[in-house]
Amino acid sequence: MSEQRTNDAFMLDADTKSWTGAILLNHLVSRLDPLSPHLPLNLHTVHTLVASRPSLLADWAGHPYRSPRSSTISP
């Protein structure tokens, strides 16, 4: 996925691997806050995303959209 999306319609494509998930992973990881009421949902989503794309963490480590806050999480 080379650009940001405004909705999730692109996920309906026949090729579910047409987007890497790096931007979504960065979005979720940058919002992991122990005090957030959304923490369980975000953790579950990160887990599911990584499980569906095993190479995502390695790919994400050098991703240009990676948040500085997420640098504490090792691939």
PDB file of N, CA and C in Angstrom:
ATOM      1  N   MET A   1       0.857  -1.161   0.000  1.00  0.00           N
ATOM      2  CA  MET A   1       0.000   0.000   0.000  1.00  0.00           C
ATOM      3  C   MET A   1       0.903   1.222   0.000  1.00  0.00           C
ATOM      4  N   SER A   2       0.902   1.938  -1.057  1.00  0.00           N
ATOM      5  CA  SER A   2       1.801   3.073  -1.174  1.00  0.00           C
ATOM      6  C   SER A   2       1.178   4.382  -0.713  1.00  0.00           C
ATOM      7  N   GLU A   3      -0.123   4.417  -0.553  1.00  0.00           N
ATOM      8  CA  GLU A   3      -0.765   5.647  -0.114  1.00  0.00           C
ATOM      9  C   GLU A   3      -1.752   5.362   1.013  1.00  0.00           C
ATOM     10  N   GLN A   4      -2.111   6.408   1.738  1.00  0.00           N
ATOM     11  CA  GLN A   4      -3.077   6.246   2.806  1.00  0.00           C
ATOM     12  C   GLN A   4      -4.466   6.058   2.203  1.00  0.00           C
ATOM     13  N   ARG A   5      -5.285   5.316   2.889  1.00  0.00           N
ATOM     14  CA  ARG A   5      -6.650   5.032   2.424  1.00  0.00           C
ATOM     15  C   ARG A   5      -7.644   5.716   3.349  1.00  0.00           C
ATOM     16  N   THR A   6      -8.753   6.146   2.792  1.00  0.00           N
ATOM     17  CA  THR A   6      -9.780   6.809   3.600  1.00  0.00           C
ATOM     18  C   THR A   6     -10.874   5.858   4.050  1.00  0.00           C
ATOM     19  N   ASN A   7     -10.878   4.650   3.503  1.00  0.00           N
ATOM     20  CA  ASN A   7     -11.834   3.641   3.950  1.00  0.00           C
ATOM     21  C   ASN A   7     -11.198   2.265   3.750  1.00  0.00           C
ATOM     22  N   ASP A   8     -11.914   1.233   4.143  1.00  0.00           N
ATOM     23  CA  ASP A   8     -11.345  -0.111   4.060  1.00  0.00           C
ATOM     24  C   ASP A   8     -11.816  -0.907   2.844  1.00  0.00           C
ATOM     25  N   ALA A   9     -12.381  -0.251   1.855  1.00  0.00           N
ATOM     26  CA  ALA A   9     -12.869  -0.939   0.661  1.00  0.00           C
ATOM     27  C   ALA A   9     -11.741  -1.672  -0.076  1.00  0.00           C
ATOM     28  N   PHE A  10     -10.508  -1.157   0.008  1.00  0.00           N
ATOM     29  CA  PHE A  10      -9.389  -1.798  -0.680  1.00  0.00           C
ATOM     30  C   PHE A  10      -9.120  -3.201  -0.139  1.00  0.00           C
ATOM     31  N   MET A  11      -9.582  -3.503   1.058  1.00  0.00           N
ATOM     32  CA  MET A  11      -9.356  -4.820   1.641  1.00  0.00           C
ATOM     33  C   MET A  11     -10.234  -5.889   1.002  1.00  0.00           C
ATOM     34  N   LEU A  12     -11.179  -5.488   0.201  1.00  0.00           N
ATOM     35  CA  LEU A  12     -12.053  -6.443  -0.465  1.00  0.00           C
ATOM     36  C   LEU A  12     -11.449  -6.988  -1.751  1.00  0.00           C
ATOM     37  N   ASP A  13     -10.289  -6.473  -2.146  1.00  0.00           N
ATOM     38  CA  ASP A  13      -9.618  -6.969  -3.343  1.00  0.00           C
ATOM     39  C   ASP A  13      -9.365  -8.469  -3.223  1.00  0.00           C
ATOM     40  N   ALA A  14      -9.341  -9.136  -4.363  1.00  0.00           N
ATOM     41  CA  ALA A  14      -9.077 -10.575  -4.364  1.00  0.00           C
ATOM     42  C   ALA A  14      -7.702 -10.891  -3.775  1.00  0.00           C
ATOM     43  N   ASP A  15      -6.735 -10.015  -4.015  1.00  0.00           N
ATOM     44  CA  ASP A  15      -5.391 -10.217  -3.493  1.00  0.00           C
ATOM     45  C   ASP A  15      -5.270  -9.520  -2.137  1.00  0.00           C
ATOM     46  N   THR A  16      -5.424 -10.255  -1.061  1.00  0.00           N
ATOM     47  CA  THR A  16      -5.398  -9.663   0.278  1.00  0.00           C
ATOM     48  C   THR A  16      -3.992  -9.245   0.693  1.00  0.00           C
ATOM     49  N   LYS A  17      -2.999  -9.623  -0.062  1.00  0.00           N
ATOM     50  CA  LYS A  17      -1.630  -9.229   0.255  1.00  0.00           C
ATOM     51  C   LYS A  17      -1.203  -7.997  -0.546  1.00  0.00           C
ATOM     52  N   SER A  18      -2.159  -7.282  -1.136  1.00  0.00           N
ATOM     53  CA  SER A  18      -1.831  -6.115  -1.947  1.00  0.00           C
ATOM     54  C   SER A  18      -1.400  -4.926  -1.089  1.00  0.00           C
ATOM     55  N   TRP A  19      -1.575  -5.009   0.205  1.00  0.00           N
ATOM     56  CA  TRP A  19      -1.081  -3.979   1.123  1.00  0.00           C
ATOM     57  C   TRP A  19      -0.300  -4.675   2.224  1.00  0.00           C
ATOM     58  N   THR A  20       0.777  -4.047   2.674  1.00  0.00           N
ATOM     59  CA  THR A  20       1.691  -4.704   3.603  1.00  0.00           C
ATOM     60  C   THR A  20       1.211  -4.682   5.043  1.00  0.00           C
ATOM     61  N   GLY A  21       0.492  -3.657   5.422  1.00  0.00           N
ATOM     62  CA  GLY A  21       0.050  -3.515   6.801  1.00  0.00           C
ATOM     63  C   GLY A  21       0.983  -2.665   7.635  1.00  0.00           C
ATOM     64  N   ALA A  22       2.077  -2.176   7.046  1.00  0.00           N
ATOM     65  CA  ALA A  22       3.067  -1.398   7.805  1.00  0.00           C
ATOM     66  C   ALA A  22       2.481  -0.101   8.351  1.00  0.00           C
ATOM     67  N   ILE A  23       1.684   0.582   7.570  1.00  0.00           N
ATOM     68  CA  ILE A  23       1.086   1.838   8.036  1.00  0.00           C
ATOM     69  C   ILE A  23       0.084   1.561   9.143  1.00  0.00           C
ATOM     70  N   LEU A  24      -0.721   0.526   8.985  1.00  0.00           N
ATOM     71  CA  LEU A  24      -1.677   0.155  10.030  1.00  0.00           C
ATOM     72  C   LEU A  24      -0.944  -0.258  11.302  1.00  0.00           C
ATOM     73  N   LEU A  25       0.116  -1.043  11.170  1.00  0.00           N
ATOM     74  CA  LEU A  25       0.887  -1.454  12.343  1.00  0.00           C
ATOM     75  C   LEU A  25       1.456  -0.236  13.063  1.00  0.00           C
ATOM     76  N   ASN A  26       2.015   0.688  12.320  1.00  0.00           N
ATOM     77  CA  ASN A  26       2.554   1.901  12.922  1.00  0.00           C
ATOM     78  C   ASN A  26       1.455   2.684  13.647  1.00  0.00           C
ATOM     79  N   HIS A  27       0.317   2.796  13.018  1.00  0.00           N
ATOM     80  CA  HIS A  27      -0.824   3.504  13.617  1.00  0.00           C
ATOM     81  C   HIS A  27      -1.209   2.871  14.951  1.00  0.00           C
ATOM     82  N   LEU A  28      -1.297   1.570  14.970  1.00  0.00           N
ATOM     83  CA  LEU A  28      -1.700   0.869  16.192  1.00  0.00           C
ATOM     84  C   LEU A  28      -0.627   0.941  17.278  1.00  0.00           C
ATOM     85  N   VAL A  29       0.622   0.693  16.901  1.00  0.00           N
ATOM     86  CA  VAL A  29       1.701   0.675  17.874  1.00  0.00           C
ATOM     87  C   VAL A  29       1.917   2.059  18.488  1.00  0.00           C
ATOM     88  N   SER A  30       1.765   3.093  17.689  1.00  0.00           N
ATOM     89  CA  SER A  30       1.967   4.443  18.223  1.00  0.00           C
ATOM     90  C   SER A  30       0.870   4.841  19.203  1.00  0.00           C
ATOM     91  N   ARG A  31      -0.201   4.070  19.251  1.00  0.00           N
ATOM     92  CA  ARG A  31      -1.307   4.369  20.157  1.00  0.00           C
ATOM     93  C   ARG A  31      -1.437   3.367  21.304  1.00  0.00           C
ATOM     94  N   LEU A  32      -0.448   2.508  21.467  1.00  0.00           N
ATOM     95  CA  LEU A  32      -0.491   1.563  22.581  1.00  0.00           C
ATOM     96  C   LEU A  32      -0.210   2.317  23.878  1.00  0.00           C
ATOM     97  N   ASP A  33      -1.239   2.474  24.649  1.00  0.00           N
ATOM     98  CA  ASP A  33      -1.163   3.210  25.909  1.00  0.00           C
ATOM     99  C   ASP A  33      -1.822   2.358  26.981  1.00  0.00           C
ATOM    100  N   PRO A  34      -1.093   2.012  28.039  1.00  0.00           N
ATOM    101  CA  PRO A  34      -1.670   1.149  29.074  1.00  0.00           C
ATOM    102  C   PRO A  34      -2.949   1.700  29.695  1.00  0.00           C
ATOM    103  N   LEU A  35      -3.151   3.001  29.627  1.00  0.00           N
ATOM    104  CA  LEU A  35      -4.337   3.609  30.228  1.00  0.00           C
ATOM    105  C   LEU A  35      -5.504   3.757  29.252  1.00  0.00           C
ATOM    106  N   SER A  36      -5.274   3.424  27.994  1.00  0.00           N
ATOM    107  CA  SER A  36      -6.323   3.583  26.991  1.00  0.00           C
ATOM    108  C   SER A  36      -7.394   2.503  27.128  1.00  0.00           C
ATOM    109  N   PRO A  37      -8.655   2.899  27.014  1.00  0.00           N
ATOM    110  CA  PRO A  37      -9.713   1.888  27.027  1.00  0.00           C
ATOM    111  C   PRO A  37      -9.686   1.011  25.768  1.00  0.00           C
ATOM    112  N   HIS A  38      -8.919   1.436  24.760  1.00  0.00           N
ATOM    113  CA  HIS A  38      -8.833   0.685  23.503  1.00  0.00           C
ATOM    114  C   HIS A  38      -7.639  -0.262  23.466  1.00  0.00           C
ATOM    115  N   LEU A  39      -6.871  -0.331  24.540  1.00  0.00           N
ATOM    116  CA  LEU A  39      -5.678  -1.175  24.550  1.00  0.00           C
ATOM    117  C   LEU A  39      -5.966  -2.631  24.183  1.00  0.00           C
ATOM    118  N   PRO A  40      -6.967  -3.282  24.766  1.00  0.00           N
ATOM    119  CA  PRO A  40      -7.223  -4.681  24.381  1.00  0.00           C
ATOM    120  C   PRO A  40      -7.539  -4.838  22.891  1.00  0.00           C
ATOM    121  N   LEU A  41      -8.312  -3.934  22.351  1.00  0.00           N
ATOM    122  CA  LEU A  41      -8.644  -4.006  20.928  1.00  0.00           C
ATOM    123  C   LEU A  41      -7.405  -3.788  20.070  1.00  0.00           C
ATOM    124  N   ASN A  42      -6.599  -2.786  20.419  1.00  0.00           N
ATOM    125  CA  ASN A  42      -5.392  -2.524  19.639  1.00  0.00           C
ATOM    126  C   ASN A  42      -4.403  -3.687  19.717  1.00  0.00           C
ATOM    127  N   LEU A  43      -4.233  -4.258  20.896  1.00  0.00           N
ATOM    128  CA  LEU A  43      -3.336  -5.412  21.023  1.00  0.00           C
ATOM    129  C   LEU A  43      -3.827  -6.602  20.211  1.00  0.00           C
ATOM    130  N   HIS A  44      -5.109  -6.849  20.271  1.00  0.00           N
ATOM    131  CA  HIS A  44      -5.682  -7.949  19.488  1.00  0.00           C
ATOM    132  C   HIS A  44      -5.486  -7.698  17.995  1.00  0.00           C
ATOM    133  N   THR A  45      -5.700  -6.463  17.557  1.00  0.00           N
ATOM    134  CA  THR A  45      -5.547  -6.127  16.143  1.00  0.00           C
ATOM    135  C   THR A  45      -4.098  -6.272  15.705  1.00  0.00           C
ATOM    136  N   VAL A  46      -3.154  -5.816  16.536  1.00  0.00           N
ATOM    137  CA  VAL A  46      -1.728  -5.984  16.215  1.00  0.00           C
ATOM    138  C   VAL A  46      -1.401  -7.467  16.103  1.00  0.00           C
ATOM    139  N   HIS A  47      -1.869  -8.253  17.043  1.00  0.00           N
ATOM    140  CA  HIS A  47      -1.609  -9.696  17.028  1.00  0.00           C
ATOM    141  C   HIS A  47      -2.153 -10.335  15.748  1.00  0.00           C
ATOM    142  N   THR A  48      -3.374 -10.023  15.404  1.00  0.00           N
ATOM    143  CA  THR A  48      -4.005 -10.597  14.212  1.00  0.00           C
ATOM    144  C   THR A  48      -3.294 -10.148  12.939  1.00  0.00           C
ATOM    145  N   LEU A  49      -2.925  -8.882  12.881  1.00  0.00           N
ATOM    146  CA  LEU A  49      -2.226  -8.357  11.710  1.00  0.00           C
ATOM    147  C   LEU A  49      -0.880  -9.054  11.520  1.00  0.00           C
ATOM    148  N   VAL A  50      -0.107  -9.180  12.592  1.00  0.00           N
ATOM    149  CA  VAL A  50       1.201  -9.834  12.498  1.00  0.00           C
ATOM    150  C   VAL A  50       1.045 -11.328  12.190  1.00  0.00           C
ATOM    151  N   ALA A  51       0.038 -11.963  12.765  1.00  0.00           N
ATOM    152  CA  ALA A  51      -0.190 -13.384  12.493  1.00  0.00           C
ATOM    153  C   ALA A  51      -0.539 -13.624  11.026  1.00  0.00           C
ATOM    154  N   SER A  52      -1.242 -12.675  10.418  1.00  0.00           N
ATOM    155  CA  SER A  52      -1.632 -12.859   9.019  1.00  0.00           C
ATOM    156  C   SER A  52      -0.525 -12.475   8.045  1.00  0.00           C
ATOM    157  N   ARG A  53       0.473 -11.750   8.540  1.00  0.00           N
ATOM    158  CA  ARG A  53       1.606 -11.324   7.713  1.00  0.00           C
ATOM    159  C   ARG A  53       2.899 -11.526   8.509  1.00  0.00           C
ATOM    160  N   PRO A  54       3.413 -12.750   8.562  1.00  0.00           N
ATOM    161  CA  PRO A  54       4.574 -13.066   9.404  1.00  0.00           C
ATOM    162  C   PRO A  54       5.813 -12.214   9.134  1.00  0.00           C
ATOM    163  N   SER A  55       6.001 -11.749   7.930  1.00  0.00           N
ATOM    164  CA  SER A  55       7.194 -10.946   7.631  1.00  0.00           C
ATOM    165  C   SER A  55       6.979  -9.463   7.924  1.00  0.00           C
ATOM    166  N   LEU A  56       5.817  -9.106   8.417  1.00  0.00           N
ATOM    167  CA  LEU A  56       5.490  -7.693   8.632  1.00  0.00           C
ATOM    168  C   LEU A  56       6.456  -6.994   9.570  1.00  0.00           C
ATOM    169  N   LEU A  57       6.833  -7.616  10.668  1.00  0.00           N
ATOM    170  CA  LEU A  57       7.716  -6.945  11.626  1.00  0.00           C
ATOM    171  C   LEU A  57       9.076  -6.629  11.013  1.00  0.00           C
ATOM    172  N   ALA A  58       9.616  -7.539  10.240  1.00  0.00           N
ATOM    173  CA  ALA A  58      10.902  -7.288   9.583  1.00  0.00           C
ATOM    174  C   ALA A  58      10.759  -6.185   8.542  1.00  0.00           C
ATOM    175  N   ASP A  59       9.668  -6.217   7.775  1.00  0.00           N
ATOM    176  CA  ASP A  59       9.430  -5.194   6.756  1.00  0.00           C
ATOM    177  C   ASP A  59       9.198  -3.833   7.404  1.00  0.00           C
ATOM    178  N   TRP A  60       8.495  -3.829   8.522  1.00  0.00           N
ATOM    179  CA  TRP A  60       8.106  -2.602   9.203  1.00  0.00           C
ATOM    180  C   TRP A  60       9.278  -1.901   9.859  1.00  0.00           C
ATOM    181  N   ALA A  61      10.300  -2.662  10.241  1.00  0.00           N
ATOM    182  CA  ALA A  61      11.442  -2.091  10.954  1.00  0.00           C
ATOM    183  C   ALA A  61      12.094  -0.945  10.174  1.00  0.00           C
ATOM    184  N   GLY A  62      12.103  -1.038   8.868  1.00  0.00           N
ATOM    185  CA  GLY A  62      12.716   0.018   8.059  1.00  0.00           C
ATOM    186  C   GLY A  62      11.718   0.874   7.317  1.00  0.00           C
ATOM    187  N   HIS A  63      10.459   0.790   7.680  1.00  0.00           N
ATOM    188  CA  HIS A  63       9.411   1.509   6.960  1.00  0.00           C
ATOM    189  C   HIS A  63       9.501   3.010   7.205  1.00  0.00           C
ATOM    190  N   PRO A  64       9.380   3.828   6.142  1.00  0.00           N
ATOM    191  CA  PRO A  64       9.508   5.281   6.306  1.00  0.00           C
ATOM    192  C   PRO A  64       8.402   5.921   7.148  1.00  0.00           C
ATOM    193  N   TYR A  65       7.258   5.262   7.286  1.00  0.00           N
ATOM    194  CA  TYR A  65       6.168   5.838   8.074  1.00  0.00           C
ATOM    195  C   TYR A  65       6.233   5.419   9.537  1.00  0.00           C
ATOM    196  N   ARG A  66       7.257   4.700   9.917  1.00  0.00           N
ATOM    197  CA  ARG A  66       7.370   4.198  11.280  1.00  0.00           C
ATOM    198  C   ARG A  66       7.515   5.365  12.248  1.00  0.00           C
ATOM    199  N   SER A  67       6.710   5.352  13.273  1.00  0.00           N
ATOM    200  CA  SER A  67       6.692   6.420  14.271  1.00  0.00           C
ATOM    201  C   SER A  67       7.907   6.336  15.185  1.00  0.00           C
ATOM    202  N   PRO A  68       8.480   7.490  15.577  1.00  0.00           N
ATOM    203  CA  PRO A  68       9.594   7.450  16.530  1.00  0.00           C
ATOM    204  C   PRO A  68       9.203   6.776  17.840  1.00  0.00           C
ATOM    205  N   ARG A  69       7.958   6.905  18.252  1.00  0.00           N
ATOM    206  CA  ARG A  69       7.500   6.284  19.490  1.00  0.00           C
ATOM    207  C   ARG A  69       7.554   4.762  19.390  1.00  0.00           C
ATOM    208  N   SER A  70       7.361   4.236  18.193  1.00  0.00           N
ATOM    209  CA  SER A  70       7.341   2.790  18.009  1.00  0.00           C
ATOM    210  C   SER A  70       8.742   2.186  17.964  1.00  0.00           C
ATOM    211  N   SER A  71       9.778   3.003  18.052  1.00  0.00           N
ATOM    212  CA  SER A  71      11.140   2.488  17.944  1.00  0.00           C
ATOM    213  C   SER A  71      11.536   1.625  19.136  1.00  0.00           C
ATOM    214  N   THR A  72      10.764   1.660  20.199  1.00  0.00           N
ATOM    215  CA  THR A  72      11.087   0.839  21.352  1.00  0.00           C
ATOM    216  C   THR A  72      10.607  -0.591  21.188  1.00  0.00           C
ATOM    217  N   ILE A  73       9.833  -0.861  20.158  1.00  0.00           N
ATOM    218  CA  ILE A  73       9.320  -2.206  19.906  1.00  0.00           C
ATOM    219  C   ILE A  73      10.192  -2.859  18.864  1.00  0.00           C
ATOM    220  N   SER A  74      10.808  -3.941  19.215  1.00  0.00           N
ATOM    221  CA  SER A  74      11.740  -4.618  18.306  1.00  0.00           C
ATOM    222  C   SER A  74      10.999  -5.618  17.432  1.00  0.00           C
ATOM    223  N   PRO A  75      11.407  -5.711  16.173  1.00  0.00           N
ATOM    224  CA  PRO A  75      10.797  -6.723  15.281  1.00  0.00           C
ATOM    225  C   PRO A  75      11.268  -8.102  15.631  1.00  0.00           C
TER     226      PRO A  75
END
